[in-house]
Amino acid sequence: METTRLRVRVVPGAKKPGLAGRYGTAWKVRVSAPAERGAANDAVLELLAAALGVRLRDVRLVSGHASRDKIVELAGLPPAETEARLAAANRKDE
C-alpha cells in the first residue's frame, strides 16, 4: 500500500475551519478546535480525511504533536493524488 507524508501548518482556534492554501512546502490548515489536549490534532486529522475522501484511520499524525508544523501520513494515496485532492478541496473552501 502506498503512503504519502504531508507537511501541514496548523492554525488552531480559527473562526472558519478549512484548507487555507499552500504555506511554503506545506498545506495550511485552519481548525476551530483549541490547541489543548490534542483537540486541534484530532480536528486536523478529521479535516484532512474529509478533504481527501479517505477514512480517518488512514490518516495518522507522525510528527509535530505539540507544534504548529506537523507531518501527517496518509495510507493508500500516492503523493500526486494527494496534491490533486487537496487542491480541489482548497478551491471549494475559497
PDB file of N, CA and C in Angstrom:
ATOM      1  N   MET A   1       0.841  -1.176   0.000  1.00  0.00           N
ATOM      2  CA  MET A   1       0.000   0.000   0.000  1.00  0.00           C
ATOM      3  C   MET A   1       0.888   1.242   0.000  1.00  0.00           C
ATOM      4  N   GLU A   2       0.583   2.163  -0.851  1.00  0.00           N
ATOM      5  CA  GLU A   2       1.366   3.393  -0.959  1.00  0.00           C
ATOM      6  C   GLU A   2       0.961   4.383   0.135  1.00  0.00           C
ATOM      7  N   THR A   3       1.950   5.104   0.648  1.00  0.00           N
ATOM      8  CA  THR A   3       1.670   6.136   1.644  1.00  0.00           C
ATOM      9  C   THR A   3       2.305   7.454   1.204  1.00  0.00           C
ATOM     10  N   THR A   4       1.757   8.518   1.739  1.00  0.00           N
ATOM     11  CA  THR A   4       2.267   9.860   1.465  1.00  0.00           C
ATOM     12  C   THR A   4       2.476  10.559   2.792  1.00  0.00           C
ATOM     13  N   ARG A   5       3.579  11.261   2.901  1.00  0.00           N
ATOM     14  CA  ARG A   5       3.804  12.116   4.068  1.00  0.00           C
ATOM     15  C   ARG A   5       3.537  13.547   3.652  1.00  0.00           C
ATOM     16  N   LEU A   6       2.694  14.200   4.395  1.00  0.00           N
ATOM     17  CA  LEU A   6       2.223  15.534   4.065  1.00  0.00           C
ATOM     18  C   LEU A   6       2.616  16.504   5.178  1.00  0.00           C
ATOM     19  N   ARG A   7       3.207  17.617   4.796  1.00  0.00           N
ATOM     20  CA  ARG A   7       3.537  18.666   5.766  1.00  0.00           C
ATOM     21  C   ARG A   7       2.340  19.604   5.879  1.00  0.00           C
ATOM     22  N   VAL A   8       1.966  19.923   7.117  1.00  0.00           N
ATOM     23  CA  VAL A   8       0.868  20.855   7.336  1.00  0.00           C
ATOM     24  C   VAL A   8       1.280  21.904   8.372  1.00  0.00           C
ATOM     25  N   ARG A   9       0.752  23.085   8.200  1.00  0.00           N
ATOM     26  CA  ARG A   9       0.905  24.187   9.163  1.00  0.00           C
ATOM     27  C   ARG A   9      -0.480  24.439   9.723  1.00  0.00           C
ATOM     28  N   VAL A  10      -0.646  24.313  11.026  1.00  0.00           N
ATOM     29  CA  VAL A  10      -1.961  24.363  11.661  1.00  0.00           C
ATOM     30  C   VAL A  10      -2.208  25.707  12.333  1.00  0.00           C
ATOM     31  N   VAL A  11      -3.407  26.223  12.123  1.00  0.00           N
ATOM     32  CA  VAL A  11      -3.879  27.428  12.810  1.00  0.00           C
ATOM     33  C   VAL A  11      -5.053  26.986  13.689  1.00  0.00           C
ATOM     34  N   PRO A  12      -4.804  26.748  14.986  1.00  0.00           N
ATOM     35  CA  PRO A  12      -5.891  26.340  15.880  1.00  0.00           C
ATOM     36  C   PRO A  12      -6.751  27.528  16.284  1.00  0.00           C
ATOM     37  N   GLY A  13      -7.965  27.261  16.709  1.00  0.00           N
ATOM     38  CA  GLY A  13      -8.856  28.314  17.192  1.00  0.00           C
ATOM     39  C   GLY A  13      -9.367  29.243  16.109  1.00  0.00           C
ATOM     40  N   ALA A  14      -9.370  28.788  14.866  1.00  0.00           N
ATOM     41  CA  ALA A  14      -9.818  29.630  13.749  1.00  0.00           C
ATOM     42  C   ALA A  14     -11.337  29.762  13.742  1.00  0.00           C
ATOM     43  N   LYS A  15     -11.811  30.903  13.281  1.00  0.00           N
ATOM     44  CA  LYS A  15     -13.259  31.108  13.164  1.00  0.00           C
ATOM     45  C   LYS A  15     -13.845  30.306  12.016  1.00  0.00           C
ATOM     46  N   LYS A  16     -13.071  30.163  10.930  1.00  0.00           N
ATOM     47  CA  LYS A  16     -13.543  29.434   9.758  1.00  0.00           C
ATOM     48  C   LYS A  16     -12.576  28.285   9.462  1.00  0.00           C
ATOM     49  N   PRO A  17     -12.922  27.054   9.857  1.00  0.00           N
ATOM     50  CA  PRO A  17     -12.022  25.932   9.596  1.00  0.00           C
ATOM     51  C   PRO A  17     -11.988  25.567   8.112  1.00  0.00           C
ATOM     52  N   GLY A  18     -10.872  24.983   7.698  1.00  0.00           N
ATOM     53  CA  GLY A  18     -10.732  24.520   6.325  1.00  0.00           C
ATOM     54  C   GLY A  18      -9.307  24.664   5.833  1.00  0.00           C
ATOM     55  N   LEU A  19      -9.101  24.298   4.592  1.00  0.00           N
ATOM     56  CA  LEU A  19      -7.793  24.461   3.969  1.00  0.00           C
ATOM     57  C   LEU A  19      -7.593  25.929   3.632  1.00  0.00           C
ATOM     58  N   ALA A  20      -6.369  26.408   3.843  1.00  0.00           N
ATOM     59  CA  ALA A  20      -6.069  27.818   3.582  1.00  0.00           C
ATOM     60  C   ALA A  20      -4.975  27.962   2.534  1.00  0.00           C
ATOM     61  N   GLY A  21      -4.772  26.942   1.727  1.00  0.00           N
ATOM     62  CA  GLY A  21      -3.782  27.011   0.656  1.00  0.00           C
ATOM     63  C   GLY A  21      -2.413  26.552   1.084  1.00  0.00           C
ATOM     64  N   ARG A  22      -1.446  26.863   0.250  1.00  0.00           N
ATOM     65  CA  ARG A  22      -0.066  26.449   0.485  1.00  0.00           C
ATOM     66  C   ARG A  22       0.609  27.382   1.478  1.00  0.00           C
ATOM     67  N   TYR A  23       1.547  26.829   2.220  1.00  0.00           N
ATOM     68  CA  TYR A  23       2.383  27.574   3.152  1.00  0.00           C
ATOM     69  C   TYR A  23       3.798  27.051   2.934  1.00  0.00           C
ATOM     70  N   GLY A  24       4.485  27.605   1.962  1.00  0.00           N
ATOM     71  CA  GLY A  24       5.790  27.074   1.569  1.00  0.00           C
ATOM     72  C   GLY A  24       5.614  25.701   0.955  1.00  0.00           C
ATOM     73  N   THR A  25       6.251  24.698   1.544  1.00  0.00           N
ATOM     74  CA  THR A  25       6.110  23.324   1.051  1.00  0.00           C
ATOM     75  C   THR A  25       4.981  22.582   1.761  1.00  0.00           C
ATOM     76  N   ALA A  26       4.309  23.247   2.685  1.00  0.00           N
ATOM     77  CA  ALA A  26       3.243  22.624   3.470  1.00  0.00           C
ATOM     78  C   ALA A  26       1.876  23.142   3.025  1.00  0.00           C
ATOM     79  N   TRP A  27       0.841  22.503   3.530  1.00  0.00           N
ATOM     80  CA  TRP A  27      -0.530  22.997   3.373  1.00  0.00           C
ATOM     81  C   TRP A  27      -0.927  23.642   4.686  1.00  0.00           C
ATOM     82  N   LYS A  28      -1.557  24.799   4.605  1.00  0.00           N
ATOM     83  CA  LYS A  28      -2.033  25.497   5.799  1.00  0.00           C
ATOM     84  C   LYS A  28      -3.456  25.037   6.067  1.00  0.00           C
ATOM     85  N   VAL A  29      -3.703  24.631   7.316  1.00  0.00           N
ATOM     86  CA  VAL A  29      -4.999  24.087   7.715  1.00  0.00           C
ATOM     87  C   VAL A  29      -5.501  24.864   8.923  1.00  0.00           C
ATOM     88  N   ARG A  30      -6.720  25.353   8.833  1.00  0.00           N
ATOM     89  CA  ARG A  30      -7.345  26.058   9.962  1.00  0.00           C
ATOM     90  C   ARG A  30      -8.369  25.142  10.614  1.00  0.00           C
ATOM     91  N   VAL A  31      -8.316  25.065  11.938  1.00  0.00           N
ATOM     92  CA  VAL A  31      -9.301  24.282  12.694  1.00  0.00           C
ATOM     93  C   VAL A  31      -9.858  25.147  13.809  1.00  0.00           C
ATOM     94  N   SER A  32     -11.102  24.933  14.159  1.00  0.00           N
ATOM     95  CA  SER A  32     -11.719  25.728  15.216  1.00  0.00           C
ATOM     96  C   SER A  32     -11.349  25.216  16.605  1.00  0.00           C
ATOM     97  N   ALA A  33     -10.884  23.988  16.699  1.00  0.00           N
ATOM     98  CA  ALA A  33     -10.516  23.407  17.991  1.00  0.00           C
ATOM     99  C   ALA A  33      -9.299  24.126  18.571  1.00  0.00           C
ATOM    100  N   PRO A  34      -9.269  24.261  19.893  1.00  0.00           N
ATOM    101  CA  PRO A  34      -8.105  24.892  20.531  1.00  0.00           C
ATOM    102  C   PRO A  34      -6.923  23.926  20.570  1.00  0.00           C
ATOM    103  N   ALA A  35      -5.752  24.481  20.760  1.00  0.00           N
ATOM    104  CA  ALA A  35      -4.530  23.671  20.857  1.00  0.00           C
ATOM    105  C   ALA A  35      -4.360  23.174  22.292  1.00  0.00           C
ATOM    106  N   GLU A  36      -5.317  22.402  22.748  1.00  0.00           N
ATOM    107  CA  GLU A  36      -5.303  21.871  24.113  1.00  0.00           C
ATOM    108  C   GLU A  36      -5.652  20.394  24.100  1.00  0.00           C
ATOM    109  N   ARG A  37      -4.853  19.611  24.796  1.00  0.00           N
ATOM    110  CA  ARG A  37      -5.103  18.177  24.978  1.00  0.00           C
ATOM    111  C   ARG A  37      -5.328  17.438  23.657  1.00  0.00           C
ATOM    112  N   GLY A  38      -4.661  17.859  22.602  1.00  0.00           N
ATOM    113  CA  GLY A  38      -4.748  17.156  21.326  1.00  0.00           C
ATOM    114  C   GLY A  38      -5.998  17.435  20.517  1.00  0.00           C
ATOM    115  N   ALA A  39      -6.816  18.374  20.959  1.00  0.00           N
ATOM    116  CA  ALA A  39      -8.068  18.655  20.247  1.00  0.00           C
ATOM    117  C   ALA A  39      -7.803  19.164  18.834  1.00  0.00           C
ATOM    118  N   ALA A  40      -6.841  20.057  18.675  1.00  0.00           N
ATOM    119  CA  ALA A  40      -6.522  20.579  17.346  1.00  0.00           C
ATOM    120  C   ALA A  40      -5.943  19.481  16.453  1.00  0.00           C
ATOM    121  N   ASN A  41      -5.119  18.616  17.019  1.00  0.00           N
ATOM    122  CA  ASN A  41      -4.563  17.499  16.238  1.00  0.00           C
ATOM    123  C   ASN A  41      -5.673  16.605  15.699  1.00  0.00           C
ATOM    124  N   ASP A  42      -6.618  16.266  16.555  1.00  0.00           N
ATOM    125  CA  ASP A  42      -7.745  15.426  16.125  1.00  0.00           C
ATOM    126  C   ASP A  42      -8.546  16.124  15.028  1.00  0.00           C
ATOM    127  N   ALA A  43      -8.762  17.424  15.186  1.00  0.00           N
ATOM    128  CA  ALA A  43      -9.525  18.189  14.198  1.00  0.00           C
ATOM    129  C   ALA A  43      -8.797  18.231  12.858  1.00  0.00           C
ATOM    130  N   VAL A  44      -7.475  18.351  12.893  1.00  0.00           N
ATOM    131  CA  VAL A  44      -6.681  18.358  11.656  1.00  0.00           C
ATOM    132  C   VAL A  44      -6.839  17.030  10.923  1.00  0.00           C
ATOM    133  N   LEU A  45      -6.732  15.936  11.640  1.00  0.00           N
ATOM    134  CA  LEU A  45      -6.854  14.620  11.015  1.00  0.00           C
ATOM    135  C   LEU A  45      -8.243  14.420  10.413  1.00  0.00           C
ATOM    136  N   GLU A  46      -9.270  14.855  11.129  1.00  0.00           N
ATOM    137  CA  GLU A  46     -10.639  14.738  10.624  1.00  0.00           C
ATOM    138  C   GLU A  46     -10.846  15.598   9.384  1.00  0.00           C
ATOM    139  N   LEU A  47     -10.327  16.824   9.404  1.00  0.00           N
ATOM    140  CA  LEU A  47     -10.468  17.721   8.263  1.00  0.00           C
ATOM    141  C   LEU A  47      -9.746  17.154   7.039  1.00  0.00           C
ATOM    142  N   LEU A  48      -8.529  16.656   7.225  1.00  0.00           N
ATOM    143  CA  LEU A  48      -7.778  16.099   6.099  1.00  0.00           C
ATOM    144  C   LEU A  48      -8.450  14.856   5.541  1.00  0.00           C
ATOM    145  N   ALA A  49      -8.955  13.983   6.406  1.00  0.00           N
ATOM    146  CA  ALA A  49      -9.644  12.782   5.940  1.00  0.00           C
ATOM    147  C   ALA A  49     -10.856  13.167   5.087  1.00  0.00           C
ATOM    148  N   ALA A  50     -11.624  14.144   5.547  1.00  0.00           N
ATOM    149  CA  ALA A  50     -12.804  14.585   4.794  1.00  0.00           C
ATOM    150  C   ALA A  50     -12.398  15.230   3.469  1.00  0.00           C
ATOM    151  N   ALA A  51     -11.380  16.093   3.491  1.00  0.00           N
ATOM    152  CA  ALA A  51     -10.953  16.786   2.276  1.00  0.00           C
ATOM    153  C   ALA A  51     -10.391  15.813   1.238  1.00  0.00           C
ATOM    154  N   LEU A  52      -9.736  14.761   1.716  1.00  0.00           N
ATOM    155  CA  LEU A  52      -9.107  13.803   0.807  1.00  0.00           C
ATOM    156  C   LEU A  52     -10.027  12.650   0.429  1.00  0.00           C
ATOM    157  N   GLY A  53     -11.151  12.523   1.115  1.00  0.00           N
ATOM    158  CA  GLY A  53     -12.079  11.437   0.822  1.00  0.00           C
ATOM    159  C   GLY A  53     -11.551  10.075   1.241  1.00  0.00           C
ATOM    160  N   VAL A  54     -10.851  10.047   2.392  1.00  0.00           N
ATOM    161  CA  VAL A  54     -10.323   8.786   2.908  1.00  0.00           C
ATOM    162  C   VAL A  54     -10.881   8.554   4.314  1.00  0.00           C
ATOM    163  N   ARG A  55     -10.693   7.338   4.800  1.00  0.00           N
ATOM    164  CA  ARG A  55     -11.148   7.013   6.155  1.00  0.00           C
ATOM    165  C   ARG A  55     -10.219   7.669   7.175  1.00  0.00           C
ATOM    166  N   LEU A  56     -10.766   8.029   8.306  1.00  0.00           N
ATOM    167  CA  LEU A  56      -9.988   8.661   9.366  1.00  0.00           C
ATOM    168  C   LEU A  56      -8.838   7.762   9.802  1.00  0.00           C
ATOM    169  N   ARG A  57      -9.043   6.477   9.809  1.00  0.00           N
ATOM    170  CA  ARG A  57      -7.981   5.558  10.241  1.00  0.00           C
ATOM    171  C   ARG A  57      -6.809   5.504   9.267  1.00  0.00           C
ATOM    172  N   ASP A  58      -6.976   6.048   8.063  1.00  0.00           N
ATOM    173  CA  ASP A  58      -5.897   6.093   7.081  1.00  0.00           C
ATOM    174  C   ASP A  58      -5.062   7.372   7.177  1.00  0.00           C
ATOM    175  N   VAL A  59      -5.371   8.214   8.150  1.00  0.00           N
ATOM    176  CA  VAL A  59      -4.655   9.481   8.342  1.00  0.00           C
ATOM    177  C   VAL A  59      -4.047   9.446   9.740  1.00  0.00           C
ATOM    178  N   ARG A  60      -2.714   9.634   9.804  1.00  0.00           N
ATOM    179  CA  ARG A  60      -2.025   9.486  11.087  1.00  0.00           C
ATOM    180  C   ARG A  60      -0.999  10.598  11.275  1.00  0.00           C
ATOM    181  N   LEU A  61      -0.999  11.198  12.457  1.00  0.00           N
ATOM    182  CA  LEU A  61      -0.024  12.226  12.807  1.00  0.00           C
ATOM    183  C   LEU A  61       1.275  11.532  13.214  1.00  0.00           C
ATOM    184  N   VAL A  62       2.370  11.822  12.513  1.00  0.00           N
ATOM    185  CA  VAL A  62       3.644  11.162  12.819  1.00  0.00           C
ATOM    186  C   VAL A  62       4.665  12.096  13.447  1.00  0.00           C
ATOM    187  N   SER A  63       4.480  13.408  13.324  1.00  0.00           N
ATOM    188  CA  SER A  63       5.444  14.350  13.880  1.00  0.00           C
ATOM    189  C   SER A  63       4.766  15.687  14.149  1.00  0.00           C
ATOM    190  N   GLY A  64       5.232  16.379  15.197  1.00  0.00           N
ATOM    191  CA  GLY A  64       4.722  17.710  15.492  1.00  0.00           C
ATOM    192  C   GLY A  64       3.509  17.733  16.388  1.00  0.00           C
ATOM    193  N   HIS A  65       3.402  16.791  17.292  1.00  0.00           N
ATOM    194  CA  HIS A  65       2.221  16.700  18.159  1.00  0.00           C
ATOM    195  C   HIS A  65       1.960  17.979  18.948  1.00  0.00           C
ATOM    196  N   ALA A  66       3.016  18.699  19.324  1.00  0.00           N
ATOM    197  CA  ALA A  66       2.853  19.926  20.116  1.00  0.00           C
ATOM    198  C   ALA A  66       3.314  21.162  19.343  1.00  0.00           C
ATOM    199  N   SER A  67       3.329  21.070  18.026  1.00  0.00           N
ATOM    200  CA  SER A  67       3.820  22.161  17.188  1.00  0.00           C
ATOM    201  C   SER A  67       2.772  22.549  16.151  1.00  0.00           C
ATOM    202  N   ARG A  68       2.886  23.739  15.604  1.00  0.00           N
ATOM    203  CA  ARG A  68       2.007  24.151  14.503  1.00  0.00           C
ATOM    204  C   ARG A  68       2.383  23.421  13.218  1.00  0.00           C
ATOM    205  N   ASP A  69       3.663  23.078  13.087  1.00  0.00           N
ATOM    206  CA  ASP A  69       4.153  22.370  11.912  1.00  0.00           C
ATOM    207  C   ASP A  69       4.123  20.875  12.181  1.00  0.00           C
ATOM    208  N   LYS A  70       3.395  20.159  11.352  1.00  0.00           N
ATOM    209  CA  LYS A  70       3.176  18.735  11.571  1.00  0.00           C
ATOM    210  C   LYS A  70       3.455  17.939  10.301  1.00  0.00           C
ATOM    211  N   ILE A  71       3.691  16.652  10.476  1.00  0.00           N
ATOM    212  CA  ILE A  71       3.780  15.729   9.356  1.00  0.00           C
ATOM    213  C   ILE A  71       2.713  14.669   9.569  1.00  0.00           C
ATOM    214  N   VAL A  72       1.886  14.513   8.546  1.00  0.00           N
ATOM    215  CA  VAL A  72       0.781  13.566   8.583  1.00  0.00           C
ATOM    216  C   VAL A  72       1.040  12.495   7.525  1.00  0.00           C
ATOM    217  N   GLU A  73       0.803  11.249   7.888  1.00  0.00           N
ATOM    218  CA  GLU A  73       0.968  10.145   6.955  1.00  0.00           C
ATOM    219  C   GLU A  73      -0.403   9.688   6.469  1.00  0.00           C
ATOM    220  N   LEU A  74      -0.517   9.532   5.152  1.00  0.00           N
ATOM    221  CA  LEU A  74      -1.774   9.131   4.526  1.00  0.00           C
ATOM    222  C   LEU A  74      -1.578   7.770   3.874  1.00  0.00           C
ATOM    223  N   ALA A  75      -2.329   6.795   4.308  1.00  0.00           N
ATOM    224  CA  ALA A  75      -2.217   5.449   3.754  1.00  0.00           C
ATOM    225  C   ALA A  75      -3.117   5.310   2.534  1.00  0.00           C
ATOM    226  N   GLY A  76      -2.574   4.704   1.488  1.00  0.00           N
ATOM    227  CA  GLY A  76      -3.380   4.392   0.313  1.00  0.00           C
ATOM    228  C   GLY A  76      -3.466   5.474  -0.737  1.00  0.00           C
ATOM    229  N   LEU A  77      -2.771   6.588  -0.550  1.00  0.00           N
ATOM    230  CA  LEU A  77      -2.813   7.676  -1.531  1.00  0.00           C
ATOM    231  C   LEU A  77      -1.398   8.020  -1.995  1.00  0.00           C
ATOM    232  N   PRO A  78      -1.164   8.022  -3.298  1.00  0.00           N
ATOM    233  CA  PRO A  78       0.134   8.474  -3.798  1.00  0.00           C
ATOM    234  C   PRO A  78       0.247   9.995  -3.689  1.00  0.00           C
ATOM    235  N   PRO A  79       1.458  10.526  -3.650  1.00  0.00           N
ATOM    236  CA  PRO A  79       1.645  11.977  -3.484  1.00  0.00           C
ATOM    237  C   PRO A  79       0.916  12.823  -4.530  1.00  0.00           C
ATOM    238  N   ALA A  80       0.951  12.438  -5.785  1.00  0.00           N
ATOM    239  CA  ALA A  80       0.301  13.247  -6.827  1.00  0.00           C
ATOM    240  C   ALA A  80      -1.215  13.308  -6.620  1.00  0.00           C
ATOM    241  N   GLU A  81      -1.799  12.194  -6.247  1.00  0.00           N
ATOM    242  CA  GLU A  81      -3.248  12.157  -5.995  1.00  0.00           C
ATOM    243  C   GLU A  81      -3.600  12.984  -4.757  1.00  0.00           C
ATOM    244  N   THR A  82      -2.763  12.917  -3.747  1.00  0.00           N
ATOM    245  CA  THR A  82      -2.970  13.707  -2.531  1.00  0.00           C
ATOM    246  C   THR A  82      -2.987  15.196  -2.865  1.00  0.00           C
ATOM    247  N   GLU A  83      -1.993  15.648  -3.627  1.00  0.00           N
ATOM    248  CA  GLU A  83      -1.913  17.061  -4.003  1.00  0.00           C
ATOM    249  C   GLU A  83      -3.130  17.482  -4.828  1.00  0.00           C
ATOM    250  N   ALA A  84      -3.543  16.631  -5.764  1.00  0.00           N
ATOM    251  CA  ALA A  84      -4.697  16.961  -6.605  1.00  0.00           C
ATOM    252  C   ALA A  84      -5.969  17.089  -5.771  1.00  0.00           C
ATOM    253  N   ARG A  85      -6.162  16.174  -4.832  1.00  0.00           N
ATOM    254  CA  ARG A  85      -7.368  16.221  -3.992  1.00  0.00           C
ATOM    255  C   ARG A  85      -7.355  17.433  -3.058  1.00  0.00           C
ATOM    256  N   LEU A  86      -6.189  17.758  -2.507  1.00  0.00           N
ATOM    257  CA  LEU A  86      -6.106  18.932  -1.628  1.00  0.00           C
ATOM    258  C   LEU A  86      -6.337  20.214  -2.413  1.00  0.00           C
ATOM    259  N   ALA A  87      -5.788  20.289  -3.606  1.00  0.00           N
ATOM    260  CA  ALA A  87      -6.002  21.489  -4.438  1.00  0.00           C
ATOM    261  C   ALA A  87      -7.480  21.657  -4.762  1.00  0.00           C
ATOM    262  N   ALA A  88      -8.162  20.561  -5.093  1.00  0.00           N
ATOM    263  CA  ALA A  88      -9.589  20.621  -5.403  1.00  0.00           C
ATOM    264  C   ALA A  88     -10.393  21.024  -4.154  1.00  0.00           C
ATOM    265  N   ALA A  89     -10.050  20.469  -3.003  1.00  0.00           N
ATOM    266  CA  ALA A  89     -10.748  20.817  -1.762  1.00  0.00           C
ATOM    267  C   ALA A  89     -10.488  22.266  -1.376  1.00  0.00           C
ATOM    268  N   ASN A  90      -9.282  22.746  -1.642  1.00  0.00           N
ATOM    269  CA  ASN A  90      -8.939  24.130  -1.331  1.00  0.00           C
ATOM    270  C   ASN A  90      -9.772  25.100  -2.181  1.00  0.00           C
ATOM    271  N   ARG A  91      -9.993  24.768  -3.426  1.00  0.00           N
ATOM    272  CA  ARG A  91     -10.827  25.629  -4.300  1.00  0.00           C
ATOM    273  C   ARG A  91     -12.260  25.685  -3.782  1.00  0.00           C
ATOM    274  N   LYS A  92     -12.764  24.597  -3.217  1.00  0.00           N
ATOM    275  CA  LYS A  92     -14.122  24.579  -2.661  1.00  0.00           C
ATOM    276  C   LYS A  92     -14.221  25.457  -1.422  1.00  0.00           C
ATOM    277  N   ASP A  93     -13.135  25.503  -0.624  1.00  0.00           N
ATOM    278  CA  ASP A  93     -13.138  26.272   0.622  1.00  0.00           C
ATOM    279  C   ASP A  93     -13.034  27.773   0.394  1.00  0.00           C
ATOM    280  N   GLU A  94     -12.588  28.195  -0.774  1.00  0.00           N
ATOM    281  CA  GLU A  94     -12.395  29.633  -1.029  1.00  0.00           C
ATOM    282  C   GLU A  94     -13.693  30.363  -1.216  1.00  0.00           C
TER     283      GLU A  94
END
